[in-house]
N, C-alpha and C. Protein backbone atom coordinates (compact mmCIF):
# COMPACT_ATOMS: atom_id res chain seq x y z
N UNK A 1 0.14 -11.83 -5.65
CA UNK A 1 -0.73 -10.86 -4.74
C UNK A 1 -1.14 -11.89 -3.61
N UNK A 2 -1.10 -11.20 -2.39
CA UNK A 2 -1.55 -11.94 -1.26
C UNK A 2 -3.03 -12.07 -1.09
N UNK A 3 -3.52 -13.18 -0.71
CA UNK A 3 -4.75 -13.36 -0.50
C UNK A 3 -5.37 -12.48 0.63
N UNK A 4 -6.25 -11.59 0.14
CA UNK A 4 -6.74 -10.47 1.17
C UNK A 4 -7.49 -10.99 2.33
N UNK A 5 -7.88 -12.25 2.49
CA UNK A 5 -8.50 -12.89 3.72
C UNK A 5 -7.43 -13.46 4.54
N UNK A 6 -6.12 -13.58 4.20
CA UNK A 6 -4.95 -14.17 4.94
C UNK A 6 -4.55 -13.18 5.98
N UNK A 7 -3.73 -13.74 6.96
CA UNK A 7 -3.19 -12.91 7.93
C UNK A 7 -2.00 -12.03 7.33
N UNK A 8 -2.23 -10.84 6.91
CA UNK A 8 -1.26 -10.06 6.27
C UNK A 8 -0.02 -9.69 7.13
N UNK A 9 -0.17 -9.88 8.43
CA UNK A 9 0.96 -9.58 9.31
C UNK A 9 1.92 -10.75 9.40
N UNK A 10 1.72 -11.94 8.77
CA UNK A 10 2.60 -13.02 8.86
C UNK A 10 3.10 -13.43 7.45
N UNK A 11 4.45 -13.61 7.55
CA UNK A 11 5.09 -14.29 6.44
C UNK A 11 4.70 -13.63 5.06
N UNK A 12 4.77 -12.35 5.08
CA UNK A 12 4.52 -11.48 3.79
C UNK A 12 5.73 -10.74 3.42
N UNK A 13 6.47 -10.98 2.30
CA UNK A 13 7.51 -10.22 2.08
C UNK A 13 7.13 -8.97 1.51
N UNK A 14 8.01 -7.87 1.61
CA UNK A 14 7.56 -6.51 1.24
C UNK A 14 7.22 -6.49 -0.27
N UNK A 15 8.05 -7.20 -1.06
CA UNK A 15 7.78 -7.08 -2.52
C UNK A 15 6.47 -7.86 -2.96
N UNK A 16 5.89 -8.66 -2.06
CA UNK A 16 4.62 -9.34 -2.34
C UNK A 16 3.37 -8.70 -1.65
N UNK A 17 3.63 -7.72 -0.76
CA UNK A 17 2.54 -7.18 0.00
C UNK A 17 1.83 -6.07 -0.94
N UNK A 18 0.58 -5.87 -0.63
CA UNK A 18 -0.18 -4.75 -1.41
C UNK A 18 0.42 -3.44 -0.99
N UNK A 19 0.19 -2.55 -1.84
CA UNK A 19 0.79 -1.23 -1.67
C UNK A 19 -0.51 -0.18 -1.57
N UNK A 20 -0.21 0.99 -0.77
CA UNK A 20 -1.19 1.88 -0.53
C UNK A 20 -1.42 2.64 -1.90
N UNK A 21 -2.65 2.93 -2.31
CA UNK A 21 -2.89 3.53 -3.63
C UNK A 21 -2.68 4.98 -3.59
N UNK A 22 -2.37 5.63 -2.52
CA UNK A 22 -2.21 7.05 -2.30
C UNK A 22 -0.77 7.23 -2.32
N UNK A 23 0.03 6.61 -1.27
CA UNK A 23 1.46 6.83 -1.23
C UNK A 23 2.35 5.84 -1.74
N UNK A 24 1.84 4.55 -2.04
CA UNK A 24 2.64 3.64 -2.65
C UNK A 24 3.50 2.68 -1.63
N UNK A 25 3.38 2.98 -0.36
CA UNK A 25 4.15 2.25 0.66
C UNK A 25 3.57 0.75 0.72
N UNK A 26 4.49 -0.19 0.98
CA UNK A 26 4.11 -1.55 1.10
C UNK A 26 3.42 -1.74 2.34
N UNK A 27 2.37 -2.48 2.39
CA UNK A 27 1.52 -2.70 3.62
C UNK A 27 1.96 -4.10 4.24
N UNK A 28 2.99 -3.90 5.06
CA UNK A 28 3.70 -5.06 5.70
C UNK A 28 3.52 -4.61 7.26
N UNK A 29 2.95 -5.48 8.08
CA UNK A 29 2.85 -5.14 9.61
C UNK A 29 2.19 -3.85 9.82
N UNK A 30 1.12 -3.51 9.08
CA UNK A 30 0.41 -2.31 9.23
C UNK A 30 -1.09 -2.63 9.84
N UNK A 31 -1.32 -2.25 11.01
CA UNK A 31 -2.55 -2.43 11.68
C UNK A 31 -3.73 -1.60 11.30
N UNK A 32 -3.18 -0.36 10.55
CA UNK A 32 -4.24 0.56 10.10
C UNK A 32 -4.55 0.31 8.66
N UNK A 33 -4.11 -0.72 8.07
CA UNK A 33 -4.44 -1.12 6.75
C UNK A 33 -5.77 -1.14 6.35
N UNK A 34 -6.35 -0.43 5.32
CA UNK A 34 -7.67 -0.33 4.94
C UNK A 34 -7.84 -0.97 3.50
N UNK A 35 -8.94 -1.65 3.13
CA UNK A 35 -9.18 -2.14 1.77
C UNK A 35 -10.56 -1.64 1.41
N UNK A 36 -10.65 -1.25 0.11
CA UNK A 36 -12.01 -0.98 -0.57
C UNK A 36 -12.10 -1.98 -1.70
N UNK A 37 -13.27 -2.57 -1.64
CA UNK A 37 -13.57 -3.62 -2.60
C UNK A 37 -14.80 -3.23 -3.32
N UNK A 38 -14.69 -3.38 -4.80
CA UNK A 38 -15.95 -3.04 -5.53
C UNK A 38 -15.96 -4.00 -6.63
N UNK A 39 -17.03 -4.08 -7.42
CA UNK A 39 -17.15 -4.66 -8.66
C UNK A 39 -17.32 -3.81 -9.83
N UNK A 40 -16.44 -3.87 -10.85
CA UNK A 40 -16.43 -2.94 -12.02
C UNK A 40 -16.41 -3.91 -13.22
N UNK A 41 -17.39 -3.71 -14.10
CA UNK A 41 -17.63 -4.62 -15.30
C UNK A 41 -17.44 -6.03 -14.95
N UNK A 42 -18.08 -6.49 -13.93
CA UNK A 42 -18.15 -7.89 -13.49
C UNK A 42 -16.82 -8.42 -12.94
N UNK A 43 -15.77 -7.53 -12.70
CA UNK A 43 -14.59 -7.99 -12.11
C UNK A 43 -14.44 -7.37 -10.68
N UNK A 44 -13.97 -8.18 -9.66
CA UNK A 44 -13.72 -7.47 -8.47
C UNK A 44 -12.37 -6.79 -8.47
N UNK A 45 -12.46 -5.57 -7.87
CA UNK A 45 -11.31 -4.81 -7.78
C UNK A 45 -11.05 -4.31 -6.25
N UNK A 46 -9.81 -4.53 -5.74
CA UNK A 46 -9.62 -4.11 -4.38
C UNK A 46 -8.51 -3.03 -4.48
N UNK A 47 -8.53 -2.11 -3.59
CA UNK A 47 -7.73 -0.98 -3.57
C UNK A 47 -7.36 -0.96 -2.02
N UNK A 48 -5.99 -0.66 -1.87
CA UNK A 48 -5.39 -0.88 -0.47
C UNK A 48 -4.89 0.54 0.00
N UNK A 49 -4.98 0.78 1.26
CA UNK A 49 -4.53 2.01 1.84
C UNK A 49 -3.96 1.80 3.10
N UNK A 50 -2.80 2.55 3.43
CA UNK A 50 -2.24 2.42 4.64
C UNK A 50 -2.83 2.96 5.83
N UNK A 51 -3.82 3.84 5.69
CA UNK A 51 -4.58 4.44 6.79
C UNK A 51 -5.91 4.81 6.25
N UNK A 52 -6.93 5.12 7.09
CA UNK A 52 -8.15 5.69 6.85
C UNK A 52 -8.09 6.90 6.27
N UNK A 53 -7.15 7.90 6.70
CA UNK A 53 -7.01 9.23 6.09
C UNK A 53 -6.71 9.07 4.58
N UNK A 54 -5.79 8.13 4.20
CA UNK A 54 -5.42 7.92 2.73
C UNK A 54 -6.62 7.40 2.01
N UNK A 55 -7.46 6.49 2.63
CA UNK A 55 -8.52 6.05 2.03
C UNK A 55 -9.54 7.10 1.75
N UNK A 56 -9.80 7.98 2.69
CA UNK A 56 -10.73 9.22 2.66
C UNK A 56 -10.22 10.15 1.41
N UNK A 57 -8.89 10.41 1.42
CA UNK A 57 -8.31 11.23 0.50
C UNK A 57 -8.42 10.77 -0.95
N UNK A 58 -8.32 9.38 -1.18
CA UNK A 58 -8.52 8.69 -2.50
C UNK A 58 -10.02 8.84 -2.89
N UNK A 59 -10.94 8.87 -1.82
CA UNK A 59 -12.30 8.75 -2.26
C UNK A 59 -12.85 10.28 -2.65
N UNK A 60 -12.06 11.20 -2.24
CA UNK A 60 -12.55 12.57 -2.58
C UNK A 60 -12.59 12.91 -4.13
């Protein structure tokens, strides 16, 4: 998994990139990429989305 604080637009192979939780697309070179971070049972969980619309759809 790619460090979420890194520059995701540089040197990230598609097979190592995070994927959108809604459509499954790899998030490579995506300026609209959104991430939701939360703590569940003491563990940090991050969920990636290719757009704000998909983040909103997932949250409904």
